[in-house]
PDB file of N, CA and C in Angstrom:
ATOM      1  N   MET A   1     -32.922  45.228  20.883  1.00  0.00           N
ATOM      2  CA  MET A   1     -34.159  44.515  21.190  1.00  0.00           C
ATOM      3  C   MET A   1     -35.093  45.454  21.952  1.00  0.00           C
ATOM      4  N   ARG A   2     -36.347  45.483  21.515  1.00  0.00           N
ATOM      5  CA  ARG A   2     -37.333  46.352  22.161  1.00  0.00           C
ATOM      6  C   ARG A   2     -37.753  45.778  23.509  1.00  0.00           C
ATOM      7  N   ASN A   3     -37.974  46.665  24.445  1.00  0.00           N
ATOM      8  CA  ASN A   3     -38.430  46.272  25.774  1.00  0.00           C
ATOM      9  C   ASN A   3     -39.869  45.760  25.669  1.00  0.00           C
ATOM     10  N   PRO A   4     -40.132  44.513  26.072  1.00  0.00           N
ATOM     11  CA  PRO A   4     -41.480  43.957  25.933  1.00  0.00           C
ATOM     12  C   PRO A   4     -42.520  44.651  26.818  1.00  0.00           C
ATOM     13  N   PHE A   5     -42.076  45.347  27.851  1.00  0.00           N
ATOM     14  CA  PHE A   5     -43.018  46.040  28.729  1.00  0.00           C
ATOM     15  C   PHE A   5     -43.451  47.389  28.174  1.00  0.00           C
ATOM     16  N   THR A   6     -42.655  47.970  27.306  1.00  0.00           N
ATOM     17  CA  THR A   6     -42.990  49.294  26.783  1.00  0.00           C
ATOM     18  C   THR A   6     -43.261  49.320  25.284  1.00  0.00           C
ATOM     19  N   ALA A   7     -42.940  48.256  24.567  1.00  0.00           N
ATOM     20  CA  ALA A   7     -43.097  48.255  23.109  1.00  0.00           C
ATOM     21  C   ALA A   7     -44.555  48.499  22.698  1.00  0.00           C
ATOM     22  N   HIS A   8     -45.471  47.692  23.185  1.00  0.00           N
ATOM     23  CA  HIS A   8     -46.878  47.859  22.800  1.00  0.00           C
ATOM     24  C   HIS A   8     -47.448  49.181  23.315  1.00  0.00           C
ATOM     25  N   PRO A   9     -47.249  49.534  24.594  1.00  0.00           N
ATOM     26  CA  PRO A   9     -47.757  50.837  25.026  1.00  0.00           C
ATOM     27  C   PRO A   9     -47.244  51.987  24.151  1.00  0.00           C
ATOM     28  N   ASN A  10     -45.968  51.953  23.797  1.00  0.00           N
ATOM     29  CA  ASN A  10     -45.430  52.998  22.923  1.00  0.00           C
ATOM     30  C   ASN A  10     -46.091  52.970  21.556  1.00  0.00           C
ATOM     31  N   ASP A  11     -46.373  51.779  21.048  1.00  0.00           N
ATOM     32  CA  ASP A  11     -47.025  51.652  19.741  1.00  0.00           C
ATOM     33  C   ASP A  11     -48.400  52.314  19.716  1.00  0.00           C
ATOM     34  N   VAL A  12     -49.075  52.325  20.860  1.00  0.00           N
ATOM     35  CA  VAL A  12     -50.411  52.924  20.925  1.00  0.00           C
ATOM     36  C   VAL A  12     -50.395  54.316  21.557  1.00  0.00           C
ATOM     37  N   GLY A  13     -49.196  54.891  21.692  1.00  0.00           N
ATOM     38  CA  GLY A  13     -49.074  56.265  22.167  1.00  0.00           C
ATOM     39  C   GLY A  13     -49.252  56.448  23.657  1.00  0.00           C
ATOM     40  N   GLU A  14     -48.903  55.431  24.437  1.00  0.00           N
ATOM     41  CA  GLU A  14     -49.045  55.508  25.890  1.00  0.00           C
ATOM     42  C   GLU A  14     -47.742  55.119  26.568  1.00  0.00           C
ATOM     43  N   THR A  15     -47.603  55.555  27.814  1.00  0.00           N
ATOM     44  CA  THR A  15     -46.510  55.055  28.637  1.00  0.00           C
ATOM     45  C   THR A  15     -46.945  53.712  29.209  1.00  0.00           C
ATOM     46  N   TYR A  16     -45.992  53.015  29.826  1.00  0.00           N
ATOM     47  CA  TYR A  16     -46.337  51.738  30.459  1.00  0.00           C
ATOM     48  C   TYR A  16     -47.426  51.949  31.512  1.00  0.00           C
ATOM     49  N   ALA A  17     -47.271  52.971  32.362  1.00  0.00           N
ATOM     50  CA  ALA A  17     -48.234  53.221  33.436  1.00  0.00           C
ATOM     51  C   ALA A  17     -49.607  53.590  32.877  1.00  0.00           C
ATOM     52  N   GLU A  18     -49.644  54.455  31.863  1.00  0.00           N
ATOM     53  CA  GLU A  18     -50.922  54.827  31.260  1.00  0.00           C
ATOM     54  C   GLU A  18     -51.622  53.602  30.685  1.00  0.00           C
ATOM     55  N   HIS A  19     -50.858  52.765  30.009  1.00  0.00           N
ATOM     56  CA  HIS A  19     -51.439  51.570  29.403  1.00  0.00           C
ATOM     57  C   HIS A  19     -51.931  50.593  30.475  1.00  0.00           C
ATOM     58  N   ALA A  20     -51.164  50.450  31.545  1.00  0.00           N
ATOM     59  CA  ALA A  20     -51.564  49.546  32.626  1.00  0.00           C
ATOM     60  C   ALA A  20     -52.880  49.993  33.248  1.00  0.00           C
ATOM     61  N   VAL A  21     -53.004  51.287  33.535  1.00  0.00           N
ATOM     62  CA  VAL A  21     -54.235  51.805  34.135  1.00  0.00           C
ATOM     63  C   VAL A  21     -55.410  51.617  33.177  1.00  0.00           C
ATOM     64  N   PHE A  22     -55.214  51.962  31.905  1.00  0.00           N
ATOM     65  CA  PHE A  22     -56.284  51.807  30.910  1.00  0.00           C
ATOM     66  C   PHE A  22     -56.734  50.350  30.828  1.00  0.00           C
ATOM     67  N   ALA A  23     -55.770  49.440  30.700  1.00  0.00           N
ATOM     68  CA  ALA A  23     -56.094  48.022  30.535  1.00  0.00           C
ATOM     69  C   ALA A  23     -56.778  47.451  31.779  1.00  0.00           C
ATOM     70  N   MET A  24     -56.333  47.866  32.959  1.00  0.00           N
ATOM     71  CA  MET A  24     -56.954  47.345  34.183  1.00  0.00           C
ATOM     72  C   MET A  24     -58.376  47.869  34.351  1.00  0.00           C
ATOM     73  N   ARG A  25     -58.596  49.144  34.045  1.00  0.00           N
ATOM     74  CA  ARG A  25     -59.962  49.682  34.112  1.00  0.00           C
ATOM     75  C   ARG A  25     -60.860  48.996  33.090  1.00  0.00           C
ATOM     76  N   TYR A  26     -60.328  48.813  31.900  1.00  0.00           N
ATOM     77  CA  TYR A  26     -61.081  48.158  30.829  1.00  0.00           C
ATOM     78  C   TYR A  26     -61.441  46.728  31.247  1.00  0.00           C
ATOM     79  N   GLY A  27     -60.471  46.012  31.783  1.00  0.00           N
ATOM     80  CA  GLY A  27     -60.704  44.640  32.230  1.00  0.00           C
ATOM     81  C   GLY A  27     -61.706  44.554  33.367  1.00  0.00           C
ATOM     82  N   ALA A  28     -61.625  45.498  34.306  1.00  0.00           N
ATOM     83  CA  ALA A  28     -62.570  45.505  35.423  1.00  0.00           C
ATOM     84  C   ALA A  28     -63.993  45.735  34.919  1.00  0.00           C
ATOM     85  N   LYS A  29     -64.127  46.662  33.966  1.00  0.00           N
ATOM     86  CA  LYS A  29     -65.456  46.930  33.424  1.00  0.00           C
ATOM     87  C   LYS A  29     -65.974  45.723  32.636  1.00  0.00           C
ATOM     88  N   MET A  30     -65.083  45.043  31.916  1.00  0.00           N
ATOM     89  CA  MET A  30     -65.480  43.816  31.206  1.00  0.00           C
ATOM     90  C   MET A  30     -65.980  42.769  32.198  1.00  0.00           C
ATOM     91  N   THR A  31     -65.265  42.635  33.299  1.00  0.00           N
ATOM     92  CA  THR A  31     -65.636  41.656  34.321  1.00  0.00           C
ATOM     93  C   THR A  31     -67.009  41.974  34.898  1.00  0.00           C
ATOM     94  N   LEU A  32     -67.245  43.250  35.210  1.00  0.00           N
ATOM     95  CA  LEU A  32     -68.553  43.643  35.744  1.00  0.00           C
ATOM     96  C   LEU A  32     -69.665  43.363  34.732  1.00  0.00           C
ATOM     97  N   GLY A  33     -69.399  43.638  33.467  1.00  0.00           N
ATOM     98  CA  GLY A  33     -70.388  43.334  32.433  1.00  0.00           C
ATOM     99  C   GLY A  33     -70.659  41.845  32.338  1.00  0.00           C
ATOM    100  N   GLY A  34     -69.618  41.047  32.460  1.00  0.00           N
ATOM    101  CA  GLY A  34     -69.773  39.595  32.426  1.00  0.00           C
ATOM    102  C   GLY A  34     -70.568  39.077  33.603  1.00  0.00           C
ATOM    103  N   ILE A  35     -70.295  39.623  34.772  1.00  0.00           N
ATOM    104  CA  ILE A  35     -71.051  39.222  35.964  1.00  0.00           C
ATOM    105  C   ILE A  35     -72.520  39.604  35.805  1.00  0.00           C
ATOM    106  N   ALA A  36     -72.765  40.803  35.279  1.00  0.00           N
ATOM    107  CA  ALA A  36     -74.149  41.232  35.050  1.00  0.00           C
ATOM    108  C   ALA A  36     -74.846  40.302  34.061  1.00  0.00           C
ATOM    109  N   ALA A  37     -74.132  39.892  33.007  1.00  0.00           N
ATOM    110  CA  ALA A  37     -74.723  38.982  32.016  1.00  0.00           C
ATOM    111  C   ALA A  37     -75.025  37.619  32.634  1.00  0.00           C
ATOM    112  N   LEU A  38     -74.111  37.118  33.461  1.00  0.00           N
ATOM    113  CA  LEU A  38     -74.353  35.832  34.129  1.00  0.00           C
ATOM    114  C   LEU A  38     -75.554  35.917  35.063  1.00  0.00           C
ATOM    115  N   ALA A  39     -75.624  37.004  35.840  1.00  0.00           N
ATOM    116  CA  ALA A  39     -76.758  37.177  36.747  1.00  0.00           C
ATOM    117  C   ALA A  39     -78.058  37.300  35.956  1.00  0.00           C
ATOM    118  N   HIS A  40     -78.015  38.035  34.851  1.00  0.00           N
ATOM    119  CA  HIS A  40     -79.207  38.197  34.008  1.00  0.00           C
ATOM    120  C   HIS A  40     -79.654  36.855  33.422  1.00  0.00           C
ATOM    121  N   GLY A  41     -78.696  35.999  33.099  1.00  0.00           N
ATOM    122  CA  GLY A  41     -79.047  34.679  32.578  1.00  0.00           C
ATOM    123  C   GLY A  41     -79.863  33.867  33.570  1.00  0.00           C
ATOM    124  N   LEU A  42     -79.524  33.993  34.839  1.00  0.00           N
ATOM    125  CA  LEU A  42     -80.247  33.255  35.881  1.00  0.00           C
ATOM    126  C   LEU A  42     -81.511  33.974  36.330  1.00  0.00           C
ATOM    127  N   PHE A  43     -81.438  35.286  36.374  1.00  0.00           N
ATOM    128  CA  PHE A  43     -82.548  36.117  36.847  1.00  0.00           C
ATOM    129  C   PHE A  43     -82.846  37.177  35.786  1.00  0.00           C
ATOM    130  N   PRO A  44     -83.651  36.839  34.784  1.00  0.00           N
ATOM    131  CA  PRO A  44     -83.841  37.721  33.631  1.00  0.00           C
ATOM    132  C   PRO A  44     -84.401  39.100  33.964  1.00  0.00           C
ATOM    133  N   PHE A  45     -84.938  39.257  35.144  1.00  0.00           N
ATOM    134  CA  PHE A  45     -85.486  40.548  35.559  1.00  0.00           C
ATOM    135  C   PHE A  45     -84.399  41.482  36.096  1.00  0.00           C
ATOM    136  N   LEU A  46     -83.176  40.968  36.283  1.00  0.00           N
ATOM    137  CA  LEU A  46     -82.059  41.793  36.753  1.00  0.00           C
ATOM    138  C   LEU A  46     -81.162  42.192  35.580  1.00  0.00           C
ATOM    139  N   PHE A  47     -80.575  43.360  35.668  1.00  0.00           N
ATOM    140  CA  PHE A  47     -79.542  43.811  34.713  1.00  0.00           C
ATOM    141  C   PHE A  47     -79.981  43.632  33.262  1.00  0.00           C
ATOM    142  N   ARG A  48     -81.185  44.079  32.956  1.00  0.00           N
ATOM    143  CA  ARG A  48     -81.771  43.830  31.634  1.00  0.00           C
ATOM    144  C   ARG A  48     -80.971  44.451  30.490  1.00  0.00           C
ATOM    145  N   THR A  49     -80.324  45.565  30.716  1.00  0.00           N
ATOM    146  CA  THR A  49     -79.554  46.211  29.642  1.00  0.00           C
ATOM    147  C   THR A  49     -78.101  46.470  30.036  1.00  0.00           C
ATOM    148  N   THR A  50     -77.716  46.058  31.220  1.00  0.00           N
ATOM    149  CA  THR A  50     -76.388  46.394  31.735  1.00  0.00           C
ATOM    150  C   THR A  50     -75.262  45.842  30.874  1.00  0.00           C
ATOM    151  N   ALA A  51     -75.299  44.570  30.548  1.00  0.00           N
ATOM    152  CA  ALA A  51     -74.201  43.958  29.791  1.00  0.00           C
ATOM    153  C   ALA A  51     -74.069  44.578  28.402  1.00  0.00           C
ATOM    154  N   SER A  52     -75.184  44.801  27.724  1.00  0.00           N
ATOM    155  CA  SER A  52     -75.098  45.396  26.384  1.00  0.00           C
ATOM    156  C   SER A  52     -74.636  46.847  26.458  1.00  0.00           C
ATOM    157  N   ARG A  53     -75.066  47.582  27.485  1.00  0.00           N
ATOM    158  CA  ARG A  53     -74.619  48.968  27.652  1.00  0.00           C
ATOM    159  C   ARG A  53     -73.117  49.018  27.903  1.00  0.00           C
ATOM    160  N   ILE A  54     -72.627  48.147  28.775  1.00  0.00           N
ATOM    161  CA  ILE A  54     -71.196  48.105  29.069  1.00  0.00           C
ATOM    162  C   ILE A  54     -70.413  47.709  27.823  1.00  0.00           C
ATOM    163  N   THR A  55     -70.922  46.748  27.062  1.00  0.00           N
ATOM    164  CA  THR A  55     -70.258  46.342  25.824  1.00  0.00           C
ATOM    165  C   THR A  55     -70.159  47.519  24.859  1.00  0.00           C
ATOM    166  N   ASP A  56     -71.240  48.268  24.710  1.00  0.00           N
ATOM    167  CA  ASP A  56     -71.226  49.445  23.835  1.00  0.00           C
ATOM    168  C   ASP A  56     -70.226  50.489  24.328  1.00  0.00           C
ATOM    169  N   GLU A  57     -70.221  50.740  25.642  1.00  0.00           N
ATOM    170  CA  GLU A  57     -69.286  51.715  26.215  1.00  0.00           C
ATOM    171  C   GLU A  57     -67.842  51.285  26.001  1.00  0.00           C
ATOM    172  N   LEU A  58     -67.568  49.998  26.198  1.00  0.00           N
ATOM    173  CA  LEU A  58     -66.206  49.503  26.011  1.00  0.00           C
ATOM    174  C   LEU A  58     -65.774  49.629  24.553  1.00  0.00           C
ATOM    175  N   GLY A  59     -66.670  49.343  23.641  1.00  0.00           N
ATOM    176  CA  GLY A  59     -66.351  49.493  22.223  1.00  0.00           C
ATOM    177  C   GLY A  59     -66.010  50.928  21.880  1.00  0.00           C
ATOM    178  N   GLU A  60     -66.806  51.859  22.393  1.00  0.00           N
ATOM    179  CA  GLU A  60     -66.544  53.281  22.139  1.00  0.00           C
ATOM    180  C   GLU A  60     -65.225  53.719  22.782  1.00  0.00           C
ATOM    181  N   THR A  61     -64.965  53.250  23.985  1.00  0.00           N
ATOM    182  CA  THR A  61     -63.708  53.571  24.666  1.00  0.00           C
ATOM    183  C   THR A  61     -62.514  53.077  23.862  1.00  0.00           C
ATOM    184  N   LEU A  62     -62.610  51.866  23.348  1.00  0.00           N
ATOM    185  CA  LEU A  62     -61.506  51.297  22.578  1.00  0.00           C
ATOM    186  C   LEU A  62     -61.308  52.043  21.258  1.00  0.00           C
ATOM    187  N   ARG A  63     -62.398  52.396  20.585  1.00  0.00           N
ATOM    188  CA  ARG A  63     -62.273  53.162  19.332  1.00  0.00           C
ATOM    189  C   ARG A  63     -61.609  54.509  19.586  1.00  0.00           C
ATOM    190  N   ALA A  64     -62.015  55.192  20.650  1.00  0.00           N
ATOM    191  CA  ALA A  64     -61.420  56.491  20.979  1.00  0.00           C
ATOM    192  C   ALA A  64     -59.943  56.334  21.321  1.00  0.00           C
ATOM    193  N   SER A  65     -59.609  55.283  22.047  1.00  0.00           N
ATOM    194  CA  SER A  65     -58.214  55.032  22.417  1.00  0.00           C
ATOM    195  C   SER A  65     -57.366  54.758  21.185  1.00  0.00           C
ATOM    196  N   ARG A  66     -57.891  53.985  20.268  1.00  0.00           N
ATOM    197  CA  ARG A  66     -57.150  53.684  19.031  1.00  0.00           C
ATOM    198  C   ARG A  66     -56.907  54.949  18.224  1.00  0.00           C
ATOM    199  N   ASN A  67     -57.899  55.825  18.176  1.00  0.00           N
ATOM    200  CA  ASN A  67     -57.728  57.080  17.446  1.00  0.00           C
ATOM    201  C   ASN A  67     -56.670  57.956  18.099  1.00  0.00           C
ATOM    202  N   ARG A  68     -56.637  58.000  19.427  1.00  0.00           N
ATOM    203  CA  ARG A  68     -55.592  58.768  20.125  1.00  0.00           C
ATOM    204  C   ARG A  68     -54.225  58.177  19.834  1.00  0.00           C
ATOM    205  N   GLY A  69     -54.132  56.845  19.809  1.00  0.00           N
ATOM    206  CA  GLY A  69     -52.860  56.178  19.530  1.00  0.00           C
ATOM    207  C   GLY A  69     -52.365  56.474  18.135  1.00  0.00           C
ATOM    208  N   ARG A  70     -53.271  56.493  17.169  1.00  0.00           N
ATOM    209  CA  ARG A  70     -52.873  56.809  15.786  1.00  0.00           C
ATOM    210  C   ARG A  70     -52.342  58.228  15.706  1.00  0.00           C
ATOM    211  N   THR A  71     -53.018  59.160  16.363  1.00  0.00           N
ATOM    212  CA  THR A  71     -52.584  60.554  16.346  1.00  0.00           C
ATOM    213  C   THR A  71     -51.213  60.690  16.988  1.00  0.00           C
ATOM    214  N   ALA A  72     -50.993  60.018  18.110  1.00  0.00           N
ATOM    215  CA  ALA A  72     -49.698  60.085  18.796  1.00  0.00           C
ATOM    216  C   ALA A  72     -48.596  59.518  17.919  1.00  0.00           C
ATOM    217  N   ASN A  73     -48.855  58.404  17.252  1.00  0.00           N
ATOM    218  CA  ASN A  73     -47.849  57.801  16.372  1.00  0.00           C
ATOM    219  C   ASN A  73     -47.550  58.697  15.184  1.00  0.00           C
ATOM    220  N   GLU A  74     -48.564  59.350  14.627  1.00  0.00           N
ATOM    221  CA  GLU A  74     -48.340  60.259  13.504  1.00  0.00           C
ATOM    222  C   GLU A  74     -47.517  61.456  13.946  1.00  0.00           C
ATOM    223  N   ASP A  75     -47.765  61.955  15.169  1.00  0.00           N
ATOM    224  CA  ASP A  75     -47.009  63.089  15.688  1.00  0.00           C
ATOM    225  C   ASP A  75     -45.537  62.749  15.855  1.00  0.00           C
ATOM    226  N   THR A  76     -45.226  61.545  16.344  1.00  0.00           N
ATOM    227  CA  THR A  76     -43.824  61.177  16.553  1.00  0.00           C
ATOM    228  C   THR A  76     -43.118  60.924  15.232  1.00  0.00           C
ATOM    229  N   ARG A  77     -43.846  60.457  14.226  1.00  0.00           N
ATOM    230  CA  ARG A  77     -43.229  60.226  12.915  1.00  0.00           C
ATOM    231  C   ARG A  77     -42.892  61.539  12.220  1.00  0.00           C
ATOM    232  N   GLN A  78     -43.705  62.565  12.447  1.00  0.00           N
ATOM    233  CA  GLN A  78     -43.483  63.851  11.800  1.00  0.00           C
ATOM    234  C   GLN A  78     -42.391  64.652  12.480  1.00  0.00           C
ATOM    235  N   ALA A  79     -42.107  64.351  13.741  1.00  0.00           N
ATOM    236  CA  ALA A  79     -41.109  65.122  14.506  1.00  0.00           C
ATOM    237  C   ALA A  79     -39.700  64.869  14.024  1.00  0.00           C
TER     238      ALA A  79
END
């Protein structure tokens, strides 16, 4: 039986600790973007582009991470 704490991180080419740090940073940035969007909803003159910029950055971060994970998985399969 695969360890539930390491199975997914290994699948994406990360250790448990690397995955935890990545996910927590990603989540914190999502939260900040959400707060900016909520504040912008009430005060349209604040954070005019913050939420969309953070969303774009998070998308790019996730795409880059997925590409690194694919490369890591291909490397282990070839070994």
